[in-house]
Amino acid sequence: MNNYIYERVIDESEYLINTKKTIREVANKFGVSKSTVHNDMRIRLAEINKEKYEQVAEILAYHIDVKHIRGGESTKRKFLAKKSK
């Protein structure tokens, strides 16, 4: 694994652990795609640091659990905005 990839994975994981942001927000912060962040967190991080991997996996599982709620809130805001026009 290239050194810059190794450092990116560590930086992304620390950012995710400290801020509890979503994959999309981490990708925007680091200027990479969501797929890259997902691969970094699910595959590469497991090889680099098992402890951080477990912390990240816990955060990502939480995001999956609340995804339907966030989607519903977003749709609600969308239709309320249309209604007020």
PDB file of N, CA and C in Angstrom:
ATOM      1  N   MET A   1       0.858  -1.172   0.000  1.00  0.00           N
ATOM      2  CA  MET A   1       0.000   0.000   0.000  1.00  0.00           C
ATOM      3  C   MET A   1       0.904   1.235   0.000  1.00  0.00           C
ATOM      4  N   ASN A   2       0.568   2.174  -0.873  1.00  0.00           N
ATOM      5  CA  ASN A   2       1.346   3.404  -0.950  1.00  0.00           C
ATOM      6  C   ASN A   2       1.213   4.207   0.334  1.00  0.00           C
ATOM      7  N   ASN A   3       2.254   4.951   0.637  1.00  0.00           N
ATOM      8  CA  ASN A   3       2.296   5.731   1.870  1.00  0.00           C
ATOM      9  C   ASN A   3       1.174   6.769   1.922  1.00  0.00           C
ATOM     10  N   TYR A   4       0.880   7.429   0.775  1.00  0.00           N
ATOM     11  CA  TYR A   4      -0.173   8.450   0.780  1.00  0.00           C
ATOM     12  C   TYR A   4      -1.547   7.838   1.021  1.00  0.00           C
ATOM     13  N   ILE A   5      -1.764   6.618   0.552  1.00  0.00           N
ATOM     14  CA  ILE A   5      -3.040   5.937   0.804  1.00  0.00           C
ATOM     15  C   ILE A   5      -3.134   5.570   2.282  1.00  0.00           C
ATOM     16  N   TYR A   6      -2.054   5.053   2.826  1.00  0.00           N
ATOM     17  CA  TYR A   6      -2.006   4.699   4.244  1.00  0.00           C
ATOM     18  C   TYR A   6      -2.338   5.917   5.104  1.00  0.00           C
ATOM     19  N   GLU A   7      -1.698   7.035   4.821  1.00  0.00           N
ATOM     20  CA  GLU A   7      -1.939   8.258   5.597  1.00  0.00           C
ATOM     21  C   GLU A   7      -3.361   8.774   5.414  1.00  0.00           C
ATOM     22  N   ARG A   8      -3.901   8.677   4.186  1.00  0.00           N
ATOM     23  CA  ARG A   8      -5.278   9.111   3.929  1.00  0.00           C
ATOM     24  C   ARG A   8      -6.259   8.276   4.735  1.00  0.00           C
ATOM     25  N   VAL A   9      -6.056   6.987   4.774  1.00  0.00           N
ATOM     26  CA  VAL A   9      -6.949   6.088   5.515  1.00  0.00           C
ATOM     27  C   VAL A   9      -6.929   6.444   7.001  1.00  0.00           C
ATOM     28  N   ILE A  10      -5.741   6.653   7.541  1.00  0.00           N
ATOM     29  CA  ILE A  10      -5.626   7.015   8.956  1.00  0.00           C
ATOM     30  C   ILE A  10      -6.300   8.365   9.219  1.00  0.00           C
ATOM     31  N   ASP A  11      -6.044   9.349   8.347  1.00  0.00           N
ATOM     32  CA  ASP A  11      -6.647  10.679   8.519  1.00  0.00           C
ATOM     33  C   ASP A  11      -8.170  10.618   8.426  1.00  0.00           C
ATOM     34  N   GLU A  12      -8.674   9.877   7.448  1.00  0.00           N
ATOM     35  CA  GLU A  12     -10.131   9.744   7.297  1.00  0.00           C
ATOM     36  C   GLU A  12     -10.745   9.067   8.519  1.00  0.00           C
ATOM     37  N   SER A  13     -10.104   8.023   8.994  1.00  0.00           N
ATOM     38  CA  SER A  13     -10.667   7.295  10.137  1.00  0.00           C
ATOM     39  C   SER A  13     -10.666   8.163  11.390  1.00  0.00           C
ATOM     40  N   GLU A  14      -9.595   8.918  11.621  1.00  0.00           N
ATOM     41  CA  GLU A  14      -9.551   9.798  12.793  1.00  0.00           C
ATOM     42  C   GLU A  14     -10.614  10.885  12.691  1.00  0.00           C
ATOM     43  N   TYR A  15     -10.784  11.444  11.502  1.00  0.00           N
ATOM     44  CA  TYR A  15     -11.809  12.465  11.286  1.00  0.00           C
ATOM     45  C   TYR A  15     -13.204  11.892  11.539  1.00  0.00           C
ATOM     46  N   LEU A  16     -13.454  10.707  11.013  1.00  0.00           N
ATOM     47  CA  LEU A  16     -14.751  10.060  11.179  1.00  0.00           C
ATOM     48  C   LEU A  16     -15.020   9.742  12.655  1.00  0.00           C
ATOM     49  N   ILE A  17     -14.030   9.246  13.351  1.00  0.00           N
ATOM     50  CA  ILE A  17     -14.192   8.903  14.767  1.00  0.00           C
ATOM     51  C   ILE A  17     -14.440  10.163  15.606  1.00  0.00           C
ATOM     52  N   ASN A  18     -13.692  11.219  15.323  1.00  0.00           N
ATOM     53  CA  ASN A  18     -13.799  12.447  16.117  1.00  0.00           C
ATOM     54  C   ASN A  18     -15.079  13.235  15.841  1.00  0.00           C
ATOM     55  N   THR A  19     -15.550  13.214  14.591  1.00  0.00           N
ATOM     56  CA  THR A  19     -16.699  14.052  14.225  1.00  0.00           C
ATOM     57  C   THR A  19     -17.990  13.274  14.050  1.00  0.00           C
ATOM     58  N   LYS A  20     -17.894  11.956  13.847  1.00  0.00           N
ATOM     59  CA  LYS A  20     -19.069  11.104  13.597  1.00  0.00           C
ATOM     60  C   LYS A  20     -19.826  11.525  12.332  1.00  0.00           C
ATOM     61  N   LYS A  21     -19.103  12.062  11.355  1.00  0.00           N
ATOM     62  CA  LYS A  21     -19.698  12.496  10.089  1.00  0.00           C
ATOM     63  C   LYS A  21     -20.030  11.282   9.230  1.00  0.00           C
ATOM     64  N   THR A  22     -20.828  11.521   8.181  1.00  0.00           N
ATOM     65  CA  THR A  22     -21.198  10.457   7.256  1.00  0.00           C
ATOM     66  C   THR A  22     -20.086  10.238   6.228  1.00  0.00           C
ATOM     67  N   ILE A  23     -20.182   9.135   5.510  1.00  0.00           N
ATOM     68  CA  ILE A  23     -19.223   8.821   4.449  1.00  0.00           C
ATOM     69  C   ILE A  23     -19.183   9.965   3.432  1.00  0.00           C
ATOM     70  N   ARG A  24     -20.336  10.482   3.080  1.00  0.00           N
ATOM     71  CA  ARG A  24     -20.422  11.575   2.109  1.00  0.00           C
ATOM     72  C   ARG A  24     -19.677  12.818   2.614  1.00  0.00           C
ATOM     73  N   GLU A  25     -19.856  13.153   3.876  1.00  0.00           N
ATOM     74  CA  GLU A  25     -19.197  14.325   4.444  1.00  0.00           C
ATOM     75  C   GLU A  25     -17.679  14.127   4.534  1.00  0.00           C
ATOM     76  N   VAL A  26     -17.246  12.920   4.862  1.00  0.00           N
ATOM     77  CA  VAL A  26     -15.813  12.622   4.912  1.00  0.00           C
ATOM     78  C   VAL A  26     -15.221  12.724   3.503  1.00  0.00           C
ATOM     79  N   ALA A  27     -15.936  12.198   2.516  1.00  0.00           N
ATOM     80  CA  ALA A  27     -15.462  12.259   1.132  1.00  0.00           C
ATOM     81  C   ALA A  27     -15.306  13.708   0.677  1.00  0.00           C
ATOM     82  N   ASN A  28     -16.278  14.551   0.995  1.00  0.00           N
ATOM     83  CA  ASN A  28     -16.181  15.958   0.625  1.00  0.00           C
ATOM     84  C   ASN A  28     -15.005  16.636   1.314  1.00  0.00           C
ATOM     85  N   LYS A  29     -14.772  16.324   2.564  1.00  0.00           N
ATOM     86  CA  LYS A  29     -13.678  16.921   3.336  1.00  0.00           C
ATOM     87  C   LYS A  29     -12.320  16.574   2.734  1.00  0.00           C
ATOM     88  N   PHE A  30     -12.153  15.325   2.305  1.00  0.00           N
ATOM     89  CA  PHE A  30     -10.857  14.868   1.812  1.00  0.00           C
ATOM     90  C   PHE A  30     -10.737  14.905   0.282  1.00  0.00           C
ATOM     91  N   GLY A  31     -11.785  15.311  -0.402  1.00  0.00           N
ATOM     92  CA  GLY A  31     -11.721  15.457  -1.854  1.00  0.00           C
ATOM     93  C   GLY A  31     -11.600  14.148  -2.608  1.00  0.00           C
ATOM     94  N   VAL A  32     -12.226  13.113  -2.088  1.00  0.00           N
ATOM     95  CA  VAL A  32     -12.245  11.811  -2.761  1.00  0.00           C
ATOM     96  C   VAL A  32     -13.700  11.361  -2.898  1.00  0.00           C
ATOM     97  N   SER A  33     -13.915  10.275  -3.616  1.00  0.00           N
ATOM     98  CA  SER A  33     -15.281   9.796  -3.824  1.00  0.00           C
ATOM     99  C   SER A  33     -15.786   9.033  -2.600  1.00  0.00           C
ATOM    100  N   LYS A  34     -17.114   8.874  -2.542  1.00  0.00           N
ATOM    101  CA  LYS A  34     -17.717   8.093  -1.463  1.00  0.00           C
ATOM    102  C   LYS A  34     -17.239   6.651  -1.524  1.00  0.00           C
ATOM    103  N   SER A  35     -17.062   6.127  -2.728  1.00  0.00           N
ATOM    104  CA  SER A  35     -16.589   4.748  -2.889  1.00  0.00           C
ATOM    105  C   SER A  35     -15.191   4.576  -2.312  1.00  0.00           C
ATOM    106  N   THR A  36     -14.343   5.570  -2.523  1.00  0.00           N
ATOM    107  CA  THR A  36     -12.984   5.516  -1.996  1.00  0.00           C
ATOM    108  C   THR A  36     -12.998   5.497  -0.474  1.00  0.00           C
ATOM    109  N   VAL A  37     -13.790   6.380   0.125  1.00  0.00           N
ATOM    110  CA  VAL A  37     -13.875   6.422   1.586  1.00  0.00           C
ATOM    111  C   VAL A  37     -14.434   5.104   2.107  1.00  0.00           C
ATOM    112  N   HIS A  38     -15.455   4.589   1.443  1.00  0.00           N
ATOM    113  CA  HIS A  38     -16.052   3.327   1.876  1.00  0.00           C
ATOM    114  C   HIS A  38     -15.011   2.205   1.835  1.00  0.00           C
ATOM    115  N   ASN A  39     -14.263   2.115   0.741  1.00  0.00           N
ATOM    116  CA  ASN A  39     -13.219   1.098   0.640  1.00  0.00           C
ATOM    117  C   ASN A  39     -12.124   1.318   1.681  1.00  0.00           C
ATOM    118  N   ASP A  40     -11.768   2.569   1.901  1.00  0.00           N
ATOM    119  CA  ASP A  40     -10.757   2.881   2.919  1.00  0.00           C
ATOM    120  C   ASP A  40     -11.208   2.406   4.297  1.00  0.00           C
ATOM    121  N   MET A  41     -12.453   2.659   4.635  1.00  0.00           N
ATOM    122  CA  MET A  41     -12.948   2.347   5.979  1.00  0.00           C
ATOM    123  C   MET A  41     -13.275   0.875   6.158  1.00  0.00           C
ATOM    124  N   ARG A  42     -13.739   0.203   5.132  1.00  0.00           N
ATOM    125  CA  ARG A  42     -14.173  -1.191   5.255  1.00  0.00           C
ATOM    126  C   ARG A  42     -13.084  -2.209   4.946  1.00  0.00           C
ATOM    127  N   ILE A  43     -12.161  -1.877   4.056  1.00  0.00           N
ATOM    128  CA  ILE A  43     -11.152  -2.861   3.632  1.00  0.00           C
ATOM    129  C   ILE A  43      -9.764  -2.485   4.145  1.00  0.00           C
ATOM    130  N   ARG A  44      -9.304  -1.304   3.754  1.00  0.00           N
ATOM    131  CA  ARG A  44      -7.925  -0.912   4.074  1.00  0.00           C
ATOM    132  C   ARG A  44      -7.712  -0.704   5.569  1.00  0.00           C
ATOM    133  N   LEU A  45      -8.654  -0.069   6.241  1.00  0.00           N
ATOM    134  CA  LEU A  45      -8.485   0.208   7.670  1.00  0.00           C
ATOM    135  C   LEU A  45      -8.418  -1.086   8.482  1.00  0.00           C
ATOM    136  N   ALA A  46      -9.151  -2.103   8.056  1.00  0.00           N
ATOM    137  CA  ALA A  46      -9.114  -3.391   8.761  1.00  0.00           C
ATOM    138  C   ALA A  46      -7.713  -4.000   8.721  1.00  0.00           C
ATOM    139  N   GLU A  47      -6.990  -3.753   7.639  1.00  0.00           N
ATOM    140  CA  GLU A  47      -5.625  -4.264   7.504  1.00  0.00           C
ATOM    141  C   GLU A  47      -4.629  -3.425   8.292  1.00  0.00           C
ATOM    142  N   ILE A  48      -4.913  -2.129   8.420  1.00  0.00           N
ATOM    143  CA  ILE A  48      -3.966  -1.199   9.043  1.00  0.00           C
ATOM    144  C   ILE A  48      -4.104  -1.169  10.560  1.00  0.00           C
ATOM    145  N   ASN A  49      -5.344  -0.974  11.044  1.00  0.00           N
ATOM    146  CA  ASN A  49      -5.541  -0.780  12.483  1.00  0.00           C
ATOM    147  C   ASN A  49      -6.896  -1.359  12.881  1.00  0.00           C
ATOM    148  N   LYS A  50      -6.875  -2.517  13.473  1.00  0.00           N
ATOM    149  CA  LYS A  50      -8.111  -3.232  13.828  1.00  0.00           C
ATOM    150  C   LYS A  50      -8.944  -2.459  14.857  1.00  0.00           C
ATOM    151  N   GLU A  51      -8.295  -1.794  15.799  1.00  0.00           N
ATOM    152  CA  GLU A  51      -9.023  -1.052  16.832  1.00  0.00           C
ATOM    153  C   GLU A  51      -9.814   0.116  16.229  1.00  0.00           C
ATOM    154  N   LYS A  52      -9.164   0.876  15.357  1.00  0.00           N
ATOM    155  CA  LYS A  52      -9.869   1.985  14.699  1.00  0.00           C
ATOM    156  C   LYS A  52     -10.975   1.451  13.785  1.00  0.00           C
ATOM    157  N   TYR A  53     -10.694   0.323  13.140  1.00  0.00           N
ATOM    158  CA  TYR A  53     -11.692  -0.285  12.264  1.00  0.00           C
ATOM    159  C   TYR A  53     -12.974  -0.592  13.039  1.00  0.00           C
ATOM    160  N   GLU A  54     -12.834  -1.126  14.235  1.00  0.00           N
ATOM    161  CA  GLU A  54     -14.007  -1.461  15.043  1.00  0.00           C
ATOM    162  C   GLU A  54     -14.774  -0.210  15.461  1.00  0.00           C
ATOM    163  N   GLN A  55     -14.050   0.871  15.790  1.00  0.00           N
ATOM    164  CA  GLN A  55     -14.706   2.133  16.139  1.00  0.00           C
ATOM    165  C   GLN A  55     -15.467   2.690  14.942  1.00  0.00           C
ATOM    166  N   VAL A  56     -14.834   2.669  13.777  1.00  0.00           N
ATOM    167  CA  VAL A  56     -15.458   3.176  12.550  1.00  0.00           C
ATOM    168  C   VAL A  56     -16.663   2.320  12.182  1.00  0.00           C
ATOM    169  N   ALA A  57     -16.539   1.013  12.299  1.00  0.00           N
ATOM    170  CA  ALA A  57     -17.646   0.111  11.967  1.00  0.00           C
ATOM    171  C   ALA A  57     -18.868   0.408  12.831  1.00  0.00           C
ATOM    172  N   GLU A  58     -18.634   0.727  14.086  1.00  0.00           N
ATOM    173  CA  GLU A  58     -19.731   1.072  14.996  1.00  0.00           C
ATOM    174  C   GLU A  58     -20.439   2.359  14.540  1.00  0.00           C
ATOM    175  N   ILE A  59     -19.674   3.351  14.156  1.00  0.00           N
ATOM    176  CA  ILE A  59     -20.243   4.621  13.687  1.00  0.00           C
ATOM    177  C   ILE A  59     -21.016   4.415  12.387  1.00  0.00           C
ATOM    178  N   LEU A  60     -20.434   3.650  11.463  1.00  0.00           N
ATOM    179  CA  LEU A  60     -21.104   3.409  10.182  1.00  0.00           C
ATOM    180  C   LEU A  60     -22.385   2.590  10.371  1.00  0.00           C
ATOM    181  N   ALA A  61     -22.379   1.672  11.313  1.00  0.00           N
ATOM    182  CA  ALA A  61     -23.595   0.901  11.595  1.00  0.00           C
ATOM    183  C   ALA A  61     -24.693   1.819  12.120  1.00  0.00           C
ATOM    184  N   TYR A  62     -24.323   2.779  12.951  1.00  0.00           N
ATOM    185  CA  TYR A  62     -25.298   3.755  13.448  1.00  0.00           C
ATOM    186  C   TYR A  62     -25.879   4.561  12.290  1.00  0.00           C
ATOM    187  N   HIS A  63     -25.021   5.003  11.376  1.00  0.00           N
ATOM    188  CA  HIS A  63     -25.496   5.779  10.228  1.00  0.00           C
ATOM    189  C   HIS A  63     -26.470   4.969   9.370  1.00  0.00           C
ATOM    190  N   ILE A  64     -26.207   3.692   9.234  1.00  0.00           N
ATOM    191  CA  ILE A  64     -27.115   2.833   8.472  1.00  0.00           C
ATOM    192  C   ILE A  64     -28.454   2.711   9.203  1.00  0.00           C
ATOM    193  N   ASP A  65     -28.397   2.599  10.520  1.00  0.00           N
ATOM    194  CA  ASP A  65     -29.625   2.475  11.310  1.00  0.00           C
ATOM    195  C   ASP A  65     -30.522   3.708  11.208  1.00  0.00           C
ATOM    196  N   VAL A  66     -29.940   4.898  11.089  1.00  0.00           N
ATOM    197  CA  VAL A  66     -30.742   6.128  11.066  1.00  0.00           C
ATOM    198  C   VAL A  66     -30.942   6.689   9.656  1.00  0.00           C
ATOM    199  N   LYS A  67     -30.455   5.972   8.650  1.00  0.00           N
ATOM    200  CA  LYS A  67     -30.548   6.469   7.276  1.00  0.00           C
ATOM    201  C   LYS A  67     -31.994   6.726   6.865  1.00  0.00           C
ATOM    202  N   HIS A  68     -32.898   5.843   7.202  1.00  0.00           N
ATOM    203  CA  HIS A  68     -34.295   6.014   6.807  1.00  0.00           C
ATOM    204  C   HIS A  68     -34.925   7.225   7.491  1.00  0.00           C
ATOM    205  N   ILE A  69     -34.482   7.537   8.684  1.00  0.00           N
ATOM    206  CA  ILE A  69     -35.011   8.702   9.397  1.00  0.00           C
ATOM    207  C   ILE A  69     -34.535   9.986   8.726  1.00  0.00           C
ATOM    208  N   ARG A  70     -33.253  10.036   8.402  1.00  0.00           N
ATOM    209  CA  ARG A  70     -32.706  11.220   7.726  1.00  0.00           C
ATOM    210  C   ARG A  70     -33.374  11.432   6.375  1.00  0.00           C
ATOM    211  N   GLY A  71     -33.601  10.356   5.656  1.00  0.00           N
ATOM    212  CA  GLY A  71     -34.263  10.463   4.356  1.00  0.00           C
ATOM    213  C   GLY A  71     -35.677  10.995   4.501  1.00  0.00           C
ATOM    214  N   GLY A  72     -36.393  10.529   5.509  1.00  0.00           N
ATOM    215  CA  GLY A  72     -37.752  10.998   5.756  1.00  0.00           C
ATOM    216  C   GLY A  72     -37.784  12.462   6.124  1.00  0.00           C
ATOM    217  N   GLU A  73     -36.829  12.902   6.942  1.00  0.00           N
ATOM    218  CA  GLU A  73     -36.758  14.311   7.327  1.00  0.00           C
ATOM    219  C   GLU A  73     -36.459  15.189   6.115  1.00  0.00           C
ATOM    220  N   SER A  74     -35.576  14.722   5.264  1.00  0.00           N
ATOM    221  CA  SER A  74     -35.216  15.469   4.060  1.00  0.00           C
ATOM    222  C   SER A  74     -36.424  15.620   3.137  1.00  0.00           C
ATOM    223  N   THR A  75     -37.162  14.539   2.963  1.00  0.00           N
ATOM    224  CA  THR A  75     -38.365  14.584   2.123  1.00  0.00           C
ATOM    225  C   THR A  75     -39.403  15.510   2.723  1.00  0.00           C
ATOM    226  N   LYS A  76     -39.560  15.473   4.019  1.00  0.00           N
ATOM    227  CA  LYS A  76     -40.516  16.355   4.693  1.00  0.00           C
ATOM    228  C   LYS A  76     -40.153  17.824   4.457  1.00  0.00           C
ATOM    229  N   ARG A  77     -38.871  18.169   4.620  1.00  0.00           N
ATOM    230  CA  ARG A  77     -38.435  19.550   4.379  1.00  0.00           C
ATOM    231  C   ARG A  77     -38.678  19.956   2.928  1.00  0.00           C
ATOM    232  N   LYS A  78     -38.445  19.038   2.017  1.00  0.00           N
ATOM    233  CA  LYS A  78     -38.621  19.307   0.591  1.00  0.00           C
ATOM    234  C   LYS A  78     -40.087  19.678   0.300  1.00  0.00           C
ATOM    235  N   PHE A  79     -41.021  18.895   0.817  1.00  0.00           N
ATOM    236  CA  PHE A  79     -42.418  19.138   0.524  1.00  0.00           C
ATOM    237  C   PHE A  79     -42.959  20.352   1.294  1.00  0.00           C
ATOM    238  N   LEU A  80     -42.445  20.610   2.470  1.00  0.00           N
ATOM    239  CA  LEU A  80     -42.841  21.819   3.193  1.00  0.00           C
ATOM    240  C   LEU A  80     -42.369  23.070   2.460  1.00  0.00           C
ATOM    241  N   ALA A  81     -41.198  22.993   1.868  1.00  0.00           N
ATOM    242  CA  ALA A  81     -40.682  24.122   1.097  1.00  0.00           C
ATOM    243  C   ALA A  81     -41.535  24.366  -0.142  1.00  0.00           C
ATOM    244  N   LYS A  82     -41.948  23.296  -0.808  1.00  0.00           N
ATOM    245  CA  LYS A  82     -42.808  23.433  -1.988  1.00  0.00           C
ATOM    246  C   LYS A  82     -44.169  24.005  -1.601  1.00  0.00           C
ATOM    247  N   LYS A  83     -44.677  23.569  -0.463  1.00  0.00           N
ATOM    248  CA  LYS A  83     -45.998  24.010   0.004  1.00  0.00           C
ATOM    249  C   LYS A  83     -46.007  25.493   0.334  1.00  0.00           C
ATOM    250  N   SER A  84     -44.904  25.990   0.864  1.00  0.00           N
ATOM    251  CA  SER A  84     -44.851  27.403   1.284  1.00  0.00           C
ATOM    252  C   SER A  84     -44.679  28.359   0.107  1.00  0.00           C
ATOM    253  N   LYS A  85     -44.384  27.853  -1.075  1.00  0.00           N
ATOM    254  CA  LYS A  85     -44.203  28.713  -2.259  1.00  0.00           C
ATOM    255  C   LYS A  85     -45.505  29.197  -2.819  1.00  0.00           C
TER     256      LYS A  85
END
